[in-house]
Amino acid sequence: MEDLEIISCQIIAASGGAKSNYVEAIESAKKGQFEEAENLIKEGAQIFLQGHEAHAKLLQLSAEGKLAIPLLLIHAEDQMMNCETMKIVATEMVEQYRTIAALKQMVEESKGETR
């Protein structure tokens, strides 16, 4: 059981760390810092990979019939799924902010042409 708790905590920590990066990426994109946003998403993906590695250990335990389902594990799984969703949202929002910034620039440039 102790191993299961350690693995669950590893998943929670990795998912939480990666999710924080994804939220920061959205904030960076909102400020027009697109390279920073993309770097944060990449870093988040690397952190999240640690959670996937821990998750693979759980799958192995499950395949061996050695896995009971405690509340901590359910929480770990929930964090992992939410993190995956957050990555998708962050990636899409960074692209949306990039588009908004480009459109704003086009509008500003066209204002300059009409003056």
PDB file of N, CA and C in Angstrom:
ATOM      1  N   MET A   1       0.816  -1.199   0.000  1.00  0.00           N
ATOM      2  CA  MET A   1       0.000   0.000   0.000  1.00  0.00           C
ATOM      3  C   MET A   1       0.861   1.265   0.000  1.00  0.00           C
ATOM      4  N   GLU A   2       1.970   1.235   0.694  1.00  0.00           N
ATOM      5  CA  GLU A   2       2.848   2.397   0.754  1.00  0.00           C
ATOM      6  C   GLU A   2       3.345   2.781  -0.633  1.00  0.00           C
ATOM      7  N   ASP A   3       3.713   1.789  -1.448  1.00  0.00           N
ATOM      8  CA  ASP A   3       4.152   2.068  -2.814  1.00  0.00           C
ATOM      9  C   ASP A   3       3.051   2.752  -3.607  1.00  0.00           C
ATOM     10  N   LEU A   4       1.828   2.310  -3.421  1.00  0.00           N
ATOM     11  CA  LEU A   4       0.688   2.884  -4.129  1.00  0.00           C
ATOM     12  C   LEU A   4       0.512   4.354  -3.746  1.00  0.00           C
ATOM     13  N   GLU A   5       0.682   4.674  -2.467  1.00  0.00           N
ATOM     14  CA  GLU A   5       0.565   6.065  -2.022  1.00  0.00           C
ATOM     15  C   GLU A   5       1.683   6.921  -2.605  1.00  0.00           C
ATOM     16  N   ILE A   6       2.881   6.384  -2.655  1.00  0.00           N
ATOM     17  CA  ILE A   6       4.011   7.121  -3.225  1.00  0.00           C
ATOM     18  C   ILE A   6       3.762   7.391  -4.703  1.00  0.00           C
ATOM     19  N   ILE A   7       3.335   6.371  -5.433  1.00  0.00           N
ATOM     20  CA  ILE A   7       3.061   6.538  -6.861  1.00  0.00           C
ATOM     21  C   ILE A   7       1.938   7.550  -7.062  1.00  0.00           C
ATOM     22  N   SER A   8       0.896   7.460  -6.248  1.00  0.00           N
ATOM     23  CA  SER A   8      -0.219   8.407  -6.361  1.00  0.00           C
ATOM     24  C   SER A   8       0.261   9.832  -6.135  1.00  0.00           C
ATOM     25  N   CYS A   9       1.094  10.029  -5.138  1.00  0.00           N
ATOM     26  CA  CYS A   9       1.623  11.368  -4.858  1.00  0.00           C
ATOM     27  C   CYS A   9       2.519  11.859  -5.992  1.00  0.00           C
ATOM     28  N   GLN A  10       3.253  10.953  -6.619  1.00  0.00           N
ATOM     29  CA  GLN A  10       4.080  11.338  -7.767  1.00  0.00           C
ATOM     30  C   GLN A  10       3.198  11.835  -8.920  1.00  0.00           C
ATOM     31  N   ILE A  11       2.099  11.139  -9.146  1.00  0.00           N
ATOM     32  CA  ILE A  11       1.171  11.543 -10.204  1.00  0.00           C
ATOM     33  C   ILE A  11       0.565  12.904  -9.883  1.00  0.00           C
ATOM     34  N   ILE A  12       0.133  13.079  -8.641  1.00  0.00           N
ATOM     35  CA  ILE A  12      -0.479  14.343  -8.228  1.00  0.00           C
ATOM     36  C   ILE A  12       0.517  15.492  -8.379  1.00  0.00           C
ATOM     37  N   ALA A  13       1.745  15.284  -7.925  1.00  0.00           N
ATOM     38  CA  ALA A  13       2.762  16.342  -7.999  1.00  0.00           C
ATOM     39  C   ALA A  13       3.085  16.695  -9.452  1.00  0.00           C
ATOM     40  N   ALA A  14       3.268  15.688 -10.285  1.00  0.00           N
ATOM     41  CA  ALA A  14       3.600  15.946 -11.690  1.00  0.00           C
ATOM     42  C   ALA A  14       2.433  16.624 -12.407  1.00  0.00           C
ATOM     43  N   SER A  15       1.234  16.153 -12.165  1.00  0.00           N
ATOM     44  CA  SER A  15       0.062  16.753 -12.808  1.00  0.00           C
ATOM     45  C   SER A  15      -0.129  18.191 -12.358  1.00  0.00           C
ATOM     46  N   GLY A  16       0.030  18.434 -11.067  1.00  0.00           N
ATOM     47  CA  GLY A  16      -0.116  19.793 -10.550  1.00  0.00           C
ATOM     48  C   GLY A  16       0.937  20.736 -11.088  1.00  0.00           C
ATOM     49  N   GLY A  17       2.171  20.261 -11.150  1.00  0.00           N
ATOM     50  CA  GLY A  17       3.253  21.087 -11.685  1.00  0.00           C
ATOM     51  C   GLY A  17       3.039  21.418 -13.152  1.00  0.00           C
ATOM     52  N   ALA A  18       2.657  20.422 -13.916  1.00  0.00           N
ATOM     53  CA  ALA A  18       2.418  20.639 -15.340  1.00  0.00           C
ATOM     54  C   ALA A  18       1.235  21.578 -15.550  1.00  0.00           C
ATOM     55  N   LYS A  19       0.170  21.381 -14.767  1.00  0.00           N
ATOM     56  CA  LYS A  19      -1.015  22.232 -14.898  1.00  0.00           C
ATOM     57  C   LYS A  19      -0.655  23.684 -14.598  1.00  0.00           C
ATOM     58  N   SER A  20       0.193  23.916 -13.613  1.00  0.00           N
ATOM     59  CA  SER A  20       0.639  25.280 -13.306  1.00  0.00           C
ATOM     60  C   SER A  20       1.353  25.895 -14.504  1.00  0.00           C
ATOM     61  N   ASN A  21       2.182  25.118 -15.167  1.00  0.00           N
ATOM     62  CA  ASN A  21       2.862  25.606 -16.365  1.00  0.00           C
ATOM     63  C   ASN A  21       1.864  25.980 -17.456  1.00  0.00           C
ATOM     64  N   TYR A  22       0.832  25.163 -17.613  1.00  0.00           N
ATOM     65  CA  TYR A  22      -0.158  25.436 -18.652  1.00  0.00           C
ATOM     66  C   TYR A  22      -0.930  26.718 -18.356  1.00  0.00           C
ATOM     67  N   VAL A  23      -1.266  26.943 -17.103  1.00  0.00           N
ATOM     68  CA  VAL A  23      -1.958  28.181 -16.721  1.00  0.00           C
ATOM     69  C   VAL A  23      -1.037  29.381 -16.950  1.00  0.00           C
ATOM     70  N   GLU A  24       0.231  29.249 -16.578  1.00  0.00           N
ATOM     71  CA  GLU A  24       1.197  30.320 -16.815  1.00  0.00           C
ATOM     72  C   GLU A  24       1.363  30.586 -18.312  1.00  0.00           C
ATOM     73  N   ALA A  25       1.282  29.540 -19.122  1.00  0.00           N
ATOM     74  CA  ALA A  25       1.396  29.704 -20.574  1.00  0.00           C
ATOM     75  C   ALA A  25       0.253  30.568 -21.096  1.00  0.00           C
ATOM     76  N   ILE A  26      -0.930  30.344 -20.586  1.00  0.00           N
ATOM     77  CA  ILE A  26      -2.075  31.159 -21.006  1.00  0.00           C
ATOM     78  C   ILE A  26      -1.845  32.618 -20.621  1.00  0.00           C
ATOM     79  N   GLU A  27      -1.372  32.842 -19.407  1.00  0.00           N
ATOM     80  CA  GLU A  27      -1.105  34.220 -18.957  1.00  0.00           C
ATOM     81  C   GLU A  27      -0.019  34.870 -19.818  1.00  0.00           C
ATOM     82  N   SER A  28       1.013  34.127 -20.169  1.00  0.00           N
ATOM     83  CA  SER A  28       2.070  34.673 -21.017  1.00  0.00           C
ATOM     84  C   SER A  28       1.524  35.023 -22.393  1.00  0.00           C
ATOM     85  N   ALA A  29       0.712  34.145 -22.949  1.00  0.00           N
ATOM     86  CA  ALA A  29       0.132  34.410 -24.268  1.00  0.00           C
ATOM     87  C   ALA A  29      -0.776  35.631 -24.221  1.00  0.00           C
ATOM     88  N   LYS A  30      -1.507  35.765 -23.141  1.00  0.00           N
ATOM     89  CA  LYS A  30      -2.398  36.913 -22.978  1.00  0.00           C
ATOM     90  C   LYS A  30      -1.604  38.215 -23.024  1.00  0.00           C
ATOM     91  N   LYS A  31      -0.371  38.186 -22.553  1.00  0.00           N
ATOM     92  CA  LYS A  31       0.508  39.364 -22.555  1.00  0.00           C
ATOM     93  C   LYS A  31       1.274  39.506 -23.872  1.00  0.00           C
ATOM     94  N   GLY A  32       1.039  38.570 -24.812  1.00  0.00           N
ATOM     95  CA  GLY A  32       1.744  38.622 -26.087  1.00  0.00           C
ATOM     96  C   GLY A  32       3.100  37.951 -26.066  1.00  0.00           C
ATOM     97  N   GLN A  33       3.417  37.243 -25.000  1.00  0.00           N
ATOM     98  CA  GLN A  33       4.715  36.568 -24.852  1.00  0.00           C
ATOM     99  C   GLN A  33       4.571  35.122 -25.345  1.00  0.00           C
ATOM    100  N   PHE A  34       4.480  34.975 -26.652  1.00  0.00           N
ATOM    101  CA  PHE A  34       4.149  33.677 -27.233  1.00  0.00           C
ATOM    102  C   PHE A  34       5.267  32.656 -27.131  1.00  0.00           C
ATOM    103  N   GLU A  35       6.495  33.094 -27.288  1.00  0.00           N
ATOM    104  CA  GLU A  35       7.611  32.153 -27.155  1.00  0.00           C
ATOM    105  C   GLU A  35       7.671  31.602 -25.730  1.00  0.00           C
ATOM    106  N   GLU A  36       7.490  32.493 -24.754  1.00  0.00           N
ATOM    107  CA  GLU A  36       7.460  32.073 -23.353  1.00  0.00           C
ATOM    108  C   GLU A  36       6.315  31.095 -23.114  1.00  0.00           C
ATOM    109  N   ALA A  37       5.159  31.386 -23.705  1.00  0.00           N
ATOM    110  CA  ALA A  37       3.991  30.514 -23.549  1.00  0.00           C
ATOM    111  C   ALA A  37       4.276  29.121 -24.109  1.00  0.00           C
ATOM    112  N   GLU A  38       4.866  29.077 -25.282  1.00  0.00           N
ATOM    113  CA  GLU A  38       5.183  27.779 -25.892  1.00  0.00           C
ATOM    114  C   GLU A  38       6.214  27.023 -25.053  1.00  0.00           C
ATOM    115  N   ASN A  39       7.192  27.745 -24.513  1.00  0.00           N
ATOM    116  CA  ASN A  39       8.188  27.096 -23.651  1.00  0.00           C
ATOM    117  C   ASN A  39       7.545  26.528 -22.390  1.00  0.00           C
ATOM    118  N   LEU A  40       6.608  27.268 -21.818  1.00  0.00           N
ATOM    119  CA  LEU A  40       5.923  26.785 -20.619  1.00  0.00           C
ATOM    120  C   LEU A  40       5.108  25.532 -20.913  1.00  0.00           C
ATOM    121  N   ILE A  41       4.485  25.477 -22.076  1.00  0.00           N
ATOM    122  CA  ILE A  41       3.736  24.274 -22.451  1.00  0.00           C
ATOM    123  C   ILE A  41       4.686  23.095 -22.630  1.00  0.00           C
ATOM    124  N   LYS A  42       5.829  23.335 -23.265  1.00  0.00           N
ATOM    125  CA  LYS A  42       6.818  22.258 -23.435  1.00  0.00           C
ATOM    126  C   LYS A  42       7.339  21.767 -22.084  1.00  0.00           C
ATOM    127  N   GLU A  43       7.641  22.716 -21.190  1.00  0.00           N
ATOM    128  CA  GLU A  43       8.113  22.333 -19.853  1.00  0.00           C
ATOM    129  C   GLU A  43       7.029  21.560 -19.104  1.00  0.00           C
ATOM    130  N   GLY A  44       5.792  22.018 -19.242  1.00  0.00           N
ATOM    131  CA  GLY A  44       4.674  21.322 -18.600  1.00  0.00           C
ATOM    132  C   GLY A  44       4.552  19.892 -19.110  1.00  0.00           C
ATOM    133  N   ALA A  45       4.741  19.713 -20.398  1.00  0.00           N
ATOM    134  CA  ALA A  45       4.657  18.372 -20.983  1.00  0.00           C
ATOM    135  C   ALA A  45       5.759  17.466 -20.425  1.00  0.00           C
ATOM    136  N   GLN A  46       6.959  18.035 -20.209  1.00  0.00           N
ATOM    137  CA  GLN A  46       8.053  17.251 -19.637  1.00  0.00           C
ATOM    138  C   GLN A  46       7.745  16.850 -18.194  1.00  0.00           C
ATOM    139  N   ILE A  47       7.181  17.791 -17.437  1.00  0.00           N
ATOM    140  CA  ILE A  47       6.810  17.482 -16.052  1.00  0.00           C
ATOM    141  C   ILE A  47       5.717  16.418 -16.037  1.00  0.00           C
ATOM    142  N   PHE A  48       4.747  16.578 -16.927  1.00  0.00           N
ATOM    143  CA  PHE A  48       3.627  15.643 -16.983  1.00  0.00           C
ATOM    144  C   PHE A  48       4.081  14.242 -17.354  1.00  0.00           C
ATOM    145  N   LEU A  49       5.154  14.159 -18.121  1.00  0.00           N
ATOM    146  CA  LEU A  49       5.705  12.855 -18.496  1.00  0.00           C
ATOM    147  C   LEU A  49       6.080  12.046 -17.256  1.00  0.00           C
ATOM    148  N   GLN A  50       6.547  12.719 -16.220  1.00  0.00           N
ATOM    149  CA  GLN A  50       6.867  12.032 -14.963  1.00  0.00           C
ATOM    150  C   GLN A  50       5.605  11.386 -14.379  1.00  0.00           C
ATOM    151  N   GLY A  51       4.487  12.079 -14.497  1.00  0.00           N
ATOM    152  CA  GLY A  51       3.222  11.518 -14.036  1.00  0.00           C
ATOM    153  C   GLY A  51       2.823  10.306 -14.854  1.00  0.00           C
ATOM    154  N   HIS A  52       3.050  10.373 -16.164  1.00  0.00           N
ATOM    155  CA  HIS A  52       2.745   9.222 -17.027  1.00  0.00           C
ATOM    156  C   HIS A  52       3.607   8.020 -16.657  1.00  0.00           C
ATOM    157  N   GLU A  53       4.854   8.271 -16.336  1.00  0.00           N
ATOM    158  CA  GLU A  53       5.753   7.175 -15.953  1.00  0.00           C
ATOM    159  C   GLU A  53       5.268   6.507 -14.666  1.00  0.00           C
ATOM    160  N   ALA A  54       4.847   7.320 -13.706  1.00  0.00           N
ATOM    161  CA  ALA A  54       4.301   6.769 -12.467  1.00  0.00           C
ATOM    162  C   ALA A  54       2.999   6.024 -12.752  1.00  0.00           C
ATOM    163  N   HIS A  55       2.211   6.572 -13.660  1.00  0.00           N
ATOM    164  CA  HIS A  55       0.944   5.938 -14.028  1.00  0.00           C
ATOM    165  C   HIS A  55       1.180   4.564 -14.652  1.00  0.00           C
ATOM    166  N   ALA A  56       2.234   4.454 -15.433  1.00  0.00           N
ATOM    167  CA  ALA A  56       2.565   3.164 -16.046  1.00  0.00           C
ATOM    168  C   ALA A  56       2.843   2.105 -14.977  1.00  0.00           C
ATOM    169  N   LYS A  57       3.445   2.535 -13.865  1.00  0.00           N
ATOM    170  CA  LYS A  57       3.678   1.603 -12.759  1.00  0.00           C
ATOM    171  C   LYS A  57       2.349   1.090 -12.198  1.00  0.00           C
ATOM    172  N   LEU A  58       1.376   1.996 -12.100  1.00  0.00           N
ATOM    173  CA  LEU A  58       0.054   1.582 -11.618  1.00  0.00           C
ATOM    174  C   LEU A  58      -0.604   0.602 -12.579  1.00  0.00           C
ATOM    175  N   LEU A  59      -0.456   0.847 -13.856  1.00  0.00           N
ATOM    176  CA  LEU A  59      -1.026  -0.075 -14.848  1.00  0.00           C
ATOM    177  C   LEU A  59      -0.403  -1.461 -14.719  1.00  0.00           C
ATOM    178  N   GLN A  60       0.894  -1.489 -14.462  1.00  0.00           N
ATOM    179  CA  GLN A  60       1.577  -2.766 -14.264  1.00  0.00           C
ATOM    180  C   GLN A  60       1.023  -3.476 -13.036  1.00  0.00           C
ATOM    181  N   LEU A  61       0.860  -2.735 -11.929  1.00  0.00           N
ATOM    182  CA  LEU A  61       0.288  -3.327 -10.711  1.00  0.00           C
ATOM    183  C   LEU A  61      -1.117  -3.855 -10.974  1.00  0.00           C
ATOM    184  N   SER A  62      -1.880  -3.106 -11.740  1.00  0.00           N
ATOM    185  CA  SER A  62      -3.239  -3.525 -12.066  1.00  0.00           C
ATOM    186  C   SER A  62      -3.225  -4.805 -12.901  1.00  0.00           C
ATOM    187  N   ALA A  63      -2.337  -4.866 -13.874  1.00  0.00           N
ATOM    188  CA  ALA A  63      -2.234  -6.052 -14.724  1.00  0.00           C
ATOM    189  C   ALA A  63      -1.838  -7.287 -13.920  1.00  0.00           C
ATOM    190  N   GLU A  64      -1.089  -7.059 -12.854  1.00  0.00           N
ATOM    191  CA  GLU A  64      -0.657  -8.157 -11.989  1.00  0.00           C
ATOM    192  C   GLU A  64      -1.703  -8.497 -10.919  1.00  0.00           C
ATOM    193  N   GLY A  65      -2.817  -7.755 -10.906  1.00  0.00           N
ATOM    194  CA  GLY A  65      -3.861  -7.999  -9.915  1.00  0.00           C
ATOM    195  C   GLY A  65      -3.492  -7.529  -8.524  1.00  0.00           C
ATOM    196  N   LYS A  66      -2.581  -6.585  -8.424  1.00  0.00           N
ATOM    197  CA  LYS A  66      -2.091  -6.115  -7.121  1.00  0.00           C
ATOM    198  C   LYS A  66      -2.579  -4.705  -6.785  1.00  0.00           C
ATOM    199  N   LEU A  67      -3.661  -4.261  -7.390  1.00  0.00           N
ATOM    200  CA  LEU A  67      -4.065  -2.869  -7.228  1.00  0.00           C
ATOM    201  C   LEU A  67      -5.429  -2.752  -6.568  1.00  0.00           C
ATOM    202  N   ALA A  68      -5.429  -2.238  -5.353  1.00  0.00           N
ATOM    203  CA  ALA A  68      -6.676  -1.849  -4.687  1.00  0.00           C
ATOM    204  C   ALA A  68      -6.903  -0.380  -5.032  1.00  0.00           C
ATOM    205  N   ILE A  69      -8.116   0.082  -4.951  1.00  0.00           N
ATOM    206  CA  ILE A  69      -8.422   1.443  -5.375  1.00  0.00           C
ATOM    207  C   ILE A  69      -8.731   2.335  -4.168  1.00  0.00           C
ATOM    208  N   PRO A  70      -7.717   2.988  -3.590  1.00  0.00           N
ATOM    209  CA  PRO A  70      -7.948   3.922  -2.483  1.00  0.00           C
ATOM    210  C   PRO A  70      -8.303   5.318  -3.006  1.00  0.00           C
ATOM    211  N   LEU A  71      -8.833   6.144  -2.132  1.00  0.00           N
ATOM    212  CA  LEU A  71      -9.234   7.498  -2.495  1.00  0.00           C
ATOM    213  C   LEU A  71      -8.069   8.304  -3.049  1.00  0.00           C
ATOM    214  N   LEU A  72      -6.875   8.136  -2.513  1.00  0.00           N
ATOM    215  CA  LEU A  72      -5.715   8.882  -2.999  1.00  0.00           C
ATOM    216  C   LEU A  72      -5.451   8.573  -4.466  1.00  0.00           C
ATOM    217  N   LEU A  73      -5.616   7.325  -4.846  1.00  0.00           N
ATOM    218  CA  LEU A  73      -5.415   6.950  -6.244  1.00  0.00           C
ATOM    219  C   LEU A  73      -6.475   7.591  -7.132  1.00  0.00           C
ATOM    220  N   ILE A  74      -7.696   7.622  -6.670  1.00  0.00           N
ATOM    221  CA  ILE A  74      -8.762   8.271  -7.450  1.00  0.00           C
ATOM    222  C   ILE A  74      -8.423   9.752  -7.647  1.00  0.00           C
ATOM    223  N   HIS A  75      -7.938  10.390  -6.597  1.00  0.00           N
ATOM    224  CA  HIS A  75      -7.536  11.791  -6.699  1.00  0.00           C
ATOM    225  C   HIS A  75      -6.389  11.952  -7.703  1.00  0.00           C
ATOM    226  N   ALA A  76      -5.427  11.060  -7.653  1.00  0.00           N
ATOM    227  CA  ALA A  76      -4.296  11.114  -8.576  1.00  0.00           C
ATOM    228  C   ALA A  76      -4.774  10.994 -10.022  1.00  0.00           C
ATOM    229  N   GLU A  77      -5.667  10.062 -10.281  1.00  0.00           N
ATOM    230  CA  GLU A  77      -6.209   9.889 -11.629  1.00  0.00           C
ATOM    231  C   GLU A  77      -6.961  11.142 -12.077  1.00  0.00           C
ATOM    232  N   ASP A  78      -7.723  11.721 -11.171  1.00  0.00           N
ATOM    233  CA  ASP A  78      -8.477  12.934 -11.481  1.00  0.00           C
ATOM    234  C   ASP A  78      -7.525  14.074 -11.840  1.00  0.00           C
ATOM    235  N   GLN A  79      -6.461  14.226 -11.071  1.00  0.00           N
ATOM    236  CA  GLN A  79      -5.487  15.278 -11.351  1.00  0.00           C
ATOM    237  C   GLN A  79      -4.835  15.067 -12.716  1.00  0.00           C
ATOM    238  N   MET A  80      -4.537  13.847 -13.033  1.00  0.00           N
ATOM    239  CA  MET A  80      -3.895  13.541 -14.300  1.00  0.00           C
ATOM    240  C   MET A  80      -4.813  13.869 -15.481  1.00  0.00           C
ATOM    241  N   MET A  81      -6.062  13.488 -15.377  1.00  0.00           N
ATOM    242  CA  MET A  81      -7.009  13.779 -16.459  1.00  0.00           C
ATOM    243  C   MET A  81      -7.211  15.282 -16.617  1.00  0.00           C
ATOM    244  N   ASN A  82      -7.332  16.000 -15.489  1.00  0.00           N
ATOM    245  CA  ASN A  82      -7.505  17.446 -15.554  1.00  0.00           C
ATOM    246  C   ASN A  82      -6.292  18.118 -16.174  1.00  0.00           C
ATOM    247  N   CYS A  83      -5.127  17.589 -15.897  1.00  0.00           N
ATOM    248  CA  CYS A  83      -3.907  18.155 -16.459  1.00  0.00           C
ATOM    249  C   CYS A  83      -3.883  17.988 -17.975  1.00  0.00           C
ATOM    250  N   GLU A  84      -4.281  16.838 -18.452  1.00  0.00           N
ATOM    251  CA  GLU A  84      -4.325  16.619 -19.897  1.00  0.00           C
ATOM    252  C   GLU A  84      -5.282  17.596 -20.555  1.00  0.00           C
ATOM    253  N   THR A  85      -6.430  17.815 -19.928  1.00  0.00           N
ATOM    254  CA  THR A  85      -7.398  18.768 -20.447  1.00  0.00           C
ATOM    255  C   THR A  85      -6.814  20.173 -20.455  1.00  0.00           C
ATOM    256  N   MET A  86      -6.122  20.531 -19.383  1.00  0.00           N
ATOM    257  CA  MET A  86      -5.537  21.870 -19.283  1.00  0.00           C
ATOM    258  C   MET A  86      -4.494  22.101 -20.361  1.00  0.00           C
ATOM    259  N   LYS A  87      -3.745  21.064 -20.716  1.00  0.00           N
ATOM    260  CA  LYS A  87      -2.753  21.220 -21.786  1.00  0.00           C
ATOM    261  C   LYS A  87      -3.448  21.554 -23.098  1.00  0.00           C
ATOM    262  N   ILE A  88      -4.524  20.869 -23.382  1.00  0.00           N
ATOM    263  CA  ILE A  88      -5.275  21.129 -24.616  1.00  0.00           C
ATOM    264  C   ILE A  88      -5.805  22.560 -24.610  1.00  0.00           C
ATOM    265  N   VAL A  89      -6.397  22.958 -23.488  1.00  0.00           N
ATOM    266  CA  VAL A  89      -6.948  24.307 -23.372  1.00  0.00           C
ATOM    267  C   VAL A  89      -5.838  25.346 -23.522  1.00  0.00           C
ATOM    268  N   ALA A  90      -4.712  25.150 -22.838  1.00  0.00           N
ATOM    269  CA  ALA A  90      -3.609  26.109 -22.906  1.00  0.00           C
ATOM    270  C   ALA A  90      -3.069  26.229 -24.323  1.00  0.00           C
ATOM    271  N   THR A  91      -2.880  25.109 -24.984  1.00  0.00           N
ATOM    272  CA  THR A  91      -2.363  25.126 -26.355  1.00  0.00           C
ATOM    273  C   THR A  91      -3.309  25.896 -27.270  1.00  0.00           C
ATOM    274  N   GLU A  92      -4.597  25.645 -27.141  1.00  0.00           N
ATOM    275  CA  GLU A  92      -5.580  26.342 -27.974  1.00  0.00           C
ATOM    276  C   GLU A  92      -5.648  27.828 -27.642  1.00  0.00           C
ATOM    277  N   MET A  93      -5.581  28.169 -26.359  1.00  0.00           N
ATOM    278  CA  MET A  93      -5.671  29.579 -25.976  1.00  0.00           C
ATOM    279  C   MET A  93      -4.442  30.362 -26.402  1.00  0.00           C
ATOM    280  N   VAL A  94      -3.274  29.751 -26.339  1.00  0.00           N
ATOM    281  CA  VAL A  94      -2.071  30.429 -26.814  1.00  0.00           C
ATOM    282  C   VAL A  94      -2.241  30.758 -28.295  1.00  0.00           C
ATOM    283  N   GLU A  95      -2.744  29.829 -29.064  1.00  0.00           N
ATOM    284  CA  GLU A  95      -2.955  30.076 -30.491  1.00  0.00           C
ATOM    285  C   GLU A  95      -4.005  31.164 -30.713  1.00  0.00           C
ATOM    286  N   GLN A  96      -5.063  31.162 -29.901  1.00  0.00           N
ATOM    287  CA  GLN A  96      -6.089  32.202 -30.023  1.00  0.00           C
ATOM    288  C   GLN A  96      -5.509  33.578 -29.705  1.00  0.00           C
ATOM    289  N   TYR A  97      -4.720  33.678 -28.633  1.00  0.00           N
ATOM    290  CA  TYR A  97      -4.108  34.964 -28.298  1.00  0.00           C
ATOM    291  C   TYR A  97      -3.129  35.406 -29.385  1.00  0.00           C
ATOM    292  N   ARG A  98      -2.450  34.455 -29.990  1.00  0.00           N
ATOM    293  CA  ARG A  98      -1.547  34.788 -31.102  1.00  0.00           C
ATOM    294  C   ARG A  98      -2.352  35.389 -32.260  1.00  0.00           C
ATOM    295  N   THR A  99      -3.488  34.789 -32.568  1.00  0.00           N
ATOM    296  CA  THR A  99      -4.349  35.290 -33.637  1.00  0.00           C
ATOM    297  C   THR A  99      -4.889  36.674 -33.295  1.00  0.00           C
ATOM    298  N   ILE A 100      -5.323  36.850 -32.063  1.00  0.00           N
ATOM    299  CA  ILE A 100      -5.836  38.155 -31.631  1.00  0.00           C
ATOM    300  C   ILE A 100      -4.754  39.220 -31.766  1.00  0.00           C
ATOM    301  N   ALA A 101      -3.531  38.896 -31.338  1.00  0.00           N
ATOM    302  CA  ALA A 101      -2.432  39.855 -31.429  1.00  0.00           C
ATOM    303  C   ALA A 101      -2.152  40.225 -32.886  1.00  0.00           C
ATOM    304  N   ALA A 102      -2.173  39.245 -33.770  1.00  0.00           N
ATOM    305  CA  ALA A 102      -1.927  39.507 -35.188  1.00  0.00           C
ATOM    306  C   ALA A 102      -3.037  40.379 -35.778  1.00  0.00           C
ATOM    307  N   LEU A 103      -4.271  40.101 -35.393  1.00  0.00           N
ATOM    308  CA  LEU A 103      -5.389  40.911 -35.881  1.00  0.00           C
ATOM    309  C   LEU A 103      -5.306  42.337 -35.358  1.00  0.00           C
ATOM    310  N   LYS A 104      -4.943  42.487 -34.087  1.00  0.00           N
ATOM    311  CA  LYS A 104      -4.773  43.828 -33.532  1.00  0.00           C
ATOM    312  C   LYS A 104      -3.695  44.598 -34.295  1.00  0.00           C
ATOM    313  N   GLN A 105      -2.612  43.914 -34.607  1.00  0.00           N
ATOM    314  CA  GLN A 105      -1.526  44.558 -35.344  1.00  0.00           C
ATOM    315  C   GLN A 105      -2.005  44.977 -36.728  1.00  0.00           C
ATOM    316  N   MET A 106      -2.775  44.121 -37.382  1.00  0.00           N
ATOM    317  CA  MET A 106      -3.304  44.461 -38.706  1.00  0.00           C
ATOM    318  C   MET A 106      -4.220  45.679 -38.631  1.00  0.00           C
ATOM    319  N   VAL A 107      -5.052  45.729 -37.601  1.00  0.00           N
ATOM    320  CA  VAL A 107      -5.955  46.871 -37.433  1.00  0.00           C
ATOM    321  C   VAL A 107      -5.154  48.145 -37.213  1.00  0.00           C
ATOM    322  N   GLU A 108      -4.145  48.073 -36.354  1.00  0.00           N
ATOM    323  CA  GLU A 108      -3.312  49.249 -36.079  1.00  0.00           C
ATOM    324  C   GLU A 108      -2.591  49.706 -37.342  1.00  0.00           C
ATOM    325  N   GLU A 109      -2.086  48.753 -38.101  1.00  0.00           N
ATOM    326  CA  GLU A 109      -1.392  49.099 -39.335  1.00  0.00           C
ATOM    327  C   GLU A 109      -2.342  49.734 -40.343  1.00  0.00           C
ATOM    328  N   SER A 110      -3.567  49.210 -40.422  1.00  0.00           N
ATOM    329  CA  SER A 110      -4.526  49.778 -41.377  1.00  0.00           C
ATOM    330  C   SER A 110      -4.981  51.158 -40.927  1.00  0.00           C
ATOM    331  N   LYS A 111      -5.017  51.427 -39.637  1.00  0.00           N
ATOM    332  CA  LYS A 111      -5.341  52.769 -39.142  1.00  0.00           C
ATOM    333  C   LYS A 111      -4.268  53.766 -39.576  1.00  0.00           C
ATOM    334  N   GLY A 112      -3.019  53.310 -39.522  1.00  0.00           N
ATOM    335  CA  GLY A 112      -1.903  54.160 -39.923  1.00  0.00           C
ATOM    336  C   GLY A 112      -1.936  54.486 -41.405  1.00  0.00           C
ATOM    337  N   GLU A 113      -2.423  53.574 -42.211  1.00  0.00           N
ATOM    338  CA  GLU A 113      -2.504  53.775 -43.657  1.00  0.00           C
ATOM    339  C   GLU A 113      -3.599  54.756 -44.035  1.00  0.00           C
ATOM    340  N   THR A 114      -4.649  54.804 -43.223  1.00  0.00           N
ATOM    341  CA  THR A 114      -5.778  55.680 -43.563  1.00  0.00           C
ATOM    342  C   THR A 114      -5.566  57.113 -43.088  1.00  0.00           C
ATOM    343  N   ARG A 115      -4.561  57.336 -42.318  1.00  0.00           N
ATOM    344  CA  ARG A 115      -4.312  58.693 -41.809  1.00  0.00           C
ATOM    345  C   ARG A 115      -3.536  59.515 -42.774  1.00  0.00           C
TER     346      ARG A 115
END
